[in-house]
């Protein structure tokens, strides 16, 4: 027995099934559902992964974790008093600058993420407000 696909005619062209046509309201709801899922679920996850990667790259480039671990080691492993003084002093001067830079960039990206999340309701609020003022 031969099976027949009702959506294809003999020429291989796909036939439109006109028995069910989505209404404009259903299309709008699907669009809004997809948009909100993308805006509030997929993109924040992407931004958080980017923030994690940014923190890793900054830590790697600024050598923060390495310098904190080796804070009391002498400069270039020169185990005399001058090596310890130069090593600890240079790390004590460099670490606050590097930590400030890391925190500033991380905080800026986090504020961007909050701005991203608040943008659609704020735009909707100002749009609705403009109709009534």
C-alpha atoms as a PDB file:
ATOM      1  CA  UNK A   1       0.000   0.000   0.000  1.00  0.00           C
ATOM      2  CA  UNK A   2       1.341   3.399  -0.945  1.00  0.00           C
ATOM      3  CA  UNK A   3       1.257   6.260   1.587  1.00  0.00           C
ATOM      4  CA  UNK A   4       0.286   9.667   0.304  1.00  0.00           C
ATOM      5  CA  UNK A   5       1.337  13.013   1.710  1.00  0.00           C
ATOM      6  CA  UNK A   6      -1.689  15.282   1.608  1.00  0.00           C
ATOM      7  CA  UNK A   7       0.404  18.448   1.809  1.00  0.00           C
ATOM      8  CA  UNK A   8       2.334  17.642  -1.385  1.00  0.00           C
ATOM      9  CA  UNK A   9       0.833  17.301  -4.803  1.00  0.00           C
ATOM     10  CA  UNK A  10       2.332  15.124  -7.547  1.00  0.00           C
ATOM     11  CA  UNK A  11       4.665  17.880  -8.766  1.00  0.00           C
ATOM     12  CA  UNK A  12       6.464  18.084  -5.413  1.00  0.00           C
ATOM     13  CA  UNK A  13       5.047  21.499  -4.558  1.00  0.00           C
ATOM     14  CA  UNK A  14       3.838  22.026  -1.019  1.00  0.00           C
ATOM     15  CA  UNK A  15       0.158  22.798  -0.755  1.00  0.00           C
ATOM     16  CA  UNK A  16      -1.083  25.359   1.730  1.00  0.00           C
ATOM     17  CA  UNK A  17      -3.346  23.970   4.374  1.00  0.00           C
ATOM     18  CA  UNK A  18      -6.025  26.643   4.534  1.00  0.00           C
ATOM     19  CA  UNK A  19      -8.157  24.922   7.115  1.00  0.00           C
ATOM     20  CA  UNK A  20      -6.480  26.793  10.002  1.00  0.00           C
ATOM     21  CA  UNK A  21      -5.177  30.322   9.631  1.00  0.00           C
ATOM     22  CA  UNK A  22      -3.693  32.105  12.618  1.00  0.00           C
ATOM     23  CA  UNK A  23      -5.379  35.318  13.570  1.00  0.00           C
ATOM     24  CA  UNK A  24      -3.459  38.543  13.863  1.00  0.00           C
ATOM     25  CA  UNK A  25      -3.933  38.400  17.625  1.00  0.00           C
ATOM     26  CA  UNK A  26      -2.340  34.933  17.812  1.00  0.00           C
ATOM     27  CA  UNK A  27       0.553  36.135  15.654  1.00  0.00           C
ATOM     28  CA  UNK A  28       0.996  39.170  17.927  1.00  0.00           C
ATOM     29  CA  UNK A  29       0.934  36.987  21.059  1.00  0.00           C
ATOM     30  CA  UNK A  30       3.480  34.602  19.551  1.00  0.00           C
ATOM     31  CA  UNK A  31       5.708  37.529  18.592  1.00  0.00           C
ATOM     32  CA  UNK A  32       5.456  39.041  22.084  1.00  0.00           C
ATOM     33  CA  UNK A  33       6.119  35.670  23.709  1.00  0.00           C
ATOM     34  CA  UNK A  34       9.210  35.090  21.558  1.00  0.00           C
ATOM     35  CA  UNK A  35      10.438  38.649  22.115  1.00  0.00           C
ATOM     36  CA  UNK A  36      10.026  38.504  25.892  1.00  0.00           C
ATOM     37  CA  UNK A  37      11.677  35.086  26.069  1.00  0.00           C
ATOM     38  CA  UNK A  38      14.613  36.434  24.048  1.00  0.00           C
ATOM     39  CA  UNK A  39      14.854  39.766  25.902  1.00  0.00           C
ATOM     40  CA  UNK A  40      14.422  38.521  29.473  1.00  0.00           C
ATOM     41  CA  UNK A  41      15.772  34.947  29.381  1.00  0.00           C
ATOM     42  CA  UNK A  42      18.185  34.323  26.527  1.00  0.00           C
ATOM     43  CA  UNK A  43      19.974  37.677  26.428  1.00  0.00           C
ATOM     44  CA  UNK A  44      20.505  38.049  30.206  1.00  0.00           C
ATOM     45  CA  UNK A  45      22.019  34.559  30.231  1.00  0.00           C
ATOM     46  CA  UNK A  46      24.277  35.600  27.350  1.00  0.00           C
ATOM     47  CA  UNK A  47      25.210  38.836  29.136  1.00  0.00           C
ATOM     48  CA  UNK A  48      25.982  37.008  32.385  1.00  0.00           C
ATOM     49  CA  UNK A  49      28.230  34.577  30.524  1.00  0.00           C
ATOM     50  CA  UNK A  50      29.923  37.549  28.850  1.00  0.00           C
ATOM     51  CA  UNK A  51      30.361  39.211  32.246  1.00  0.00           C
ATOM     52  CA  UNK A  52      31.915  36.035  33.648  1.00  0.00           C
ATOM     53  CA  UNK A  53      34.272  35.811  30.657  1.00  0.00           C
ATOM     54  CA  UNK A  54      35.121  39.510  30.982  1.00  0.00           C
ATOM     55  CA  UNK A  55      36.034  39.037  34.647  1.00  0.00           C
ATOM     56  CA  UNK A  56      38.215  36.036  33.770  1.00  0.00           C
ATOM     57  CA  UNK A  57      39.998  37.914  30.973  1.00  0.00           C
ATOM     58  CA  UNK A  58      40.557  40.984  33.167  1.00  0.00           C
ATOM     59  CA  UNK A  59      41.865  38.826  36.003  1.00  0.00           C
ATOM     60  CA  UNK A  60      44.189  37.102  33.566  1.00  0.00           C
ATOM     61  CA  UNK A  61      45.445  40.311  31.950  1.00  0.00           C
ATOM     62  CA  UNK A  62      45.824  42.214  35.212  1.00  0.00           C
ATOM     63  CA  UNK A  63      47.274  39.166  37.053  1.00  0.00           C
ATOM     64  CA  UNK A  64      45.136  39.917  40.087  1.00  0.00           C
ATOM     65  CA  UNK A  65      44.747  36.445  41.533  1.00  0.00           C
ATOM     66  CA  UNK A  66      48.399  35.673  40.869  1.00  0.00           C
ATOM     67  CA  UNK A  67      49.630  38.842  42.594  1.00  0.00           C
ATOM     68  CA  UNK A  68      47.315  38.341  45.568  1.00  0.00           C
ATOM     69  CA  UNK A  69      48.541  34.747  45.982  1.00  0.00           C
ATOM     70  CA  UNK A  70      52.189  35.812  45.750  1.00  0.00           C
ATOM     71  CA  UNK A  71      51.894  39.098  47.641  1.00  0.00           C
ATOM     72  CA  UNK A  72      54.678  38.393  50.145  1.00  0.00           C
ATOM     73  CA  UNK A  73      57.133  36.905  47.678  1.00  0.00           C
ATOM     74  CA  UNK A  74      60.188  39.025  46.791  1.00  0.00           C
ATOM     75  CA  UNK A  75      60.596  40.838  43.494  1.00  0.00           C
ATOM     76  CA  UNK A  76      61.967  38.439  40.832  1.00  0.00           C
ATOM     77  CA  UNK A  77      62.555  35.887  43.629  1.00  0.00           C
ATOM     78  CA  UNK A  78      65.494  37.970  44.916  1.00  0.00           C
ATOM     79  CA  UNK A  79      65.552  36.847  48.543  1.00  0.00           C
ATOM     80  CA  UNK A  80      67.219  39.826  50.145  1.00  0.00           C
ATOM     81  CA  UNK A  81      65.658  42.786  51.944  1.00  0.00           C
ATOM     82  CA  UNK A  82      65.529  44.976  48.832  1.00  0.00           C
ATOM     83  CA  UNK A  83      63.724  42.228  46.869  1.00  0.00           C
ATOM     84  CA  UNK A  84      61.041  41.948  49.546  1.00  0.00           C
ATOM     85  CA  UNK A  85      60.630  45.732  49.866  1.00  0.00           C
ATOM     86  CA  UNK A  86      60.360  46.304  46.113  1.00  0.00           C
ATOM     87  CA  UNK A  87      58.069  43.296  45.605  1.00  0.00           C
ATOM     88  CA  UNK A  88      55.603  44.090  48.367  1.00  0.00           C
ATOM     89  CA  UNK A  89      55.633  47.830  47.623  1.00  0.00           C
ATOM     90  CA  UNK A  90      55.033  47.424  43.894  1.00  0.00           C
ATOM     91  CA  UNK A  91      52.226  44.926  44.509  1.00  0.00           C
ATOM     92  CA  UNK A  92      50.700  47.176  47.180  1.00  0.00           C
ATOM     93  CA  UNK A  93      50.663  50.059  44.702  1.00  0.00           C
ATOM     94  CA  UNK A  94      49.469  48.031  41.696  1.00  0.00           C
ATOM     95  CA  UNK A  95      46.725  45.920  43.289  1.00  0.00           C
ATOM     96  CA  UNK A  96      44.361  48.780  44.285  1.00  0.00           C
ATOM     97  CA  UNK A  97      44.564  50.195  40.765  1.00  0.00           C
ATOM     98  CA  UNK A  98      43.880  46.808  39.170  1.00  0.00           C
ATOM     99  CA  UNK A  99      41.060  45.970  41.596  1.00  0.00           C
ATOM    100  CA  UNK A 100      39.473  49.370  40.987  1.00  0.00           C
ATOM    101  CA  UNK A 101      39.667  48.823  37.235  1.00  0.00           C
ATOM    102  CA  UNK A 102      38.149  45.344  37.524  1.00  0.00           C
ATOM    103  CA  UNK A 103      35.328  46.537  39.778  1.00  0.00           C
ATOM    104  CA  UNK A 104      34.605  49.557  37.579  1.00  0.00           C
ATOM    105  CA  UNK A 105      34.317  47.487  34.409  1.00  0.00           C
ATOM    106  CA  UNK A 106      32.254  44.794  36.151  1.00  0.00           C
ATOM    107  CA  UNK A 107      29.930  47.356  37.721  1.00  0.00           C
ATOM    108  CA  UNK A 108      29.512  49.183  34.408  1.00  0.00           C
ATOM    109  CA  UNK A 109      28.569  45.970  32.629  1.00  0.00           C
ATOM    110  CA  UNK A 110      26.160  45.040  35.446  1.00  0.00           C
ATOM    111  CA  UNK A 111      24.502  48.457  35.187  1.00  0.00           C
ATOM    112  CA  UNK A 112      24.223  47.922  31.446  1.00  0.00           C
ATOM    113  CA  UNK A 113      22.465  44.605  32.139  1.00  0.00           C
ATOM    114  CA  UNK A 114      19.982  46.298  34.498  1.00  0.00           C
ATOM    115  CA  UNK A 115      19.417  49.010  31.880  1.00  0.00           C
ATOM    116  CA  UNK A 116      18.799  46.240  29.329  1.00  0.00           C
ATOM    117  CA  UNK A 117      16.162  44.643  31.560  1.00  0.00           C
ATOM    118  CA  UNK A 118      14.402  47.930  32.312  1.00  0.00           C
ATOM    119  CA  UNK A 119      14.373  49.306  28.775  1.00  0.00           C
ATOM    120  CA  UNK A 120      11.137  47.727  27.423  1.00  0.00           C
ATOM    121  CA  UNK A 121       8.919  48.560  30.441  1.00  0.00           C
ATOM    122  CA  UNK A 122      10.350  52.064  30.579  1.00  0.00           C
ATOM    123  CA  UNK A 123       9.735  52.613  26.872  1.00  0.00           C
ATOM    124  CA  UNK A 124       6.191  51.271  27.241  1.00  0.00           C
ATOM    125  CA  UNK A 125       5.581  53.467  30.285  1.00  0.00           C
ATOM    126  CA  UNK A 126       6.786  56.630  28.546  1.00  0.00           C
ATOM    127  CA  UNK A 127       4.826  55.768  25.413  1.00  0.00           C
ATOM    128  CA  UNK A 128       1.602  55.280  27.381  1.00  0.00           C
ATOM    129  CA  UNK A 129       2.314  58.389  29.411  1.00  0.00           C
ATOM    130  CA  UNK A 130       2.677  60.451  26.255  1.00  0.00           C
ATOM    131  CA  UNK A 131      -0.878  59.541  25.254  1.00  0.00           C
ATOM    132  CA  UNK A 132      -2.359  60.824  28.498  1.00  0.00           C
ATOM    133  CA  UNK A 133      -0.341  63.998  29.049  1.00  0.00           C
END
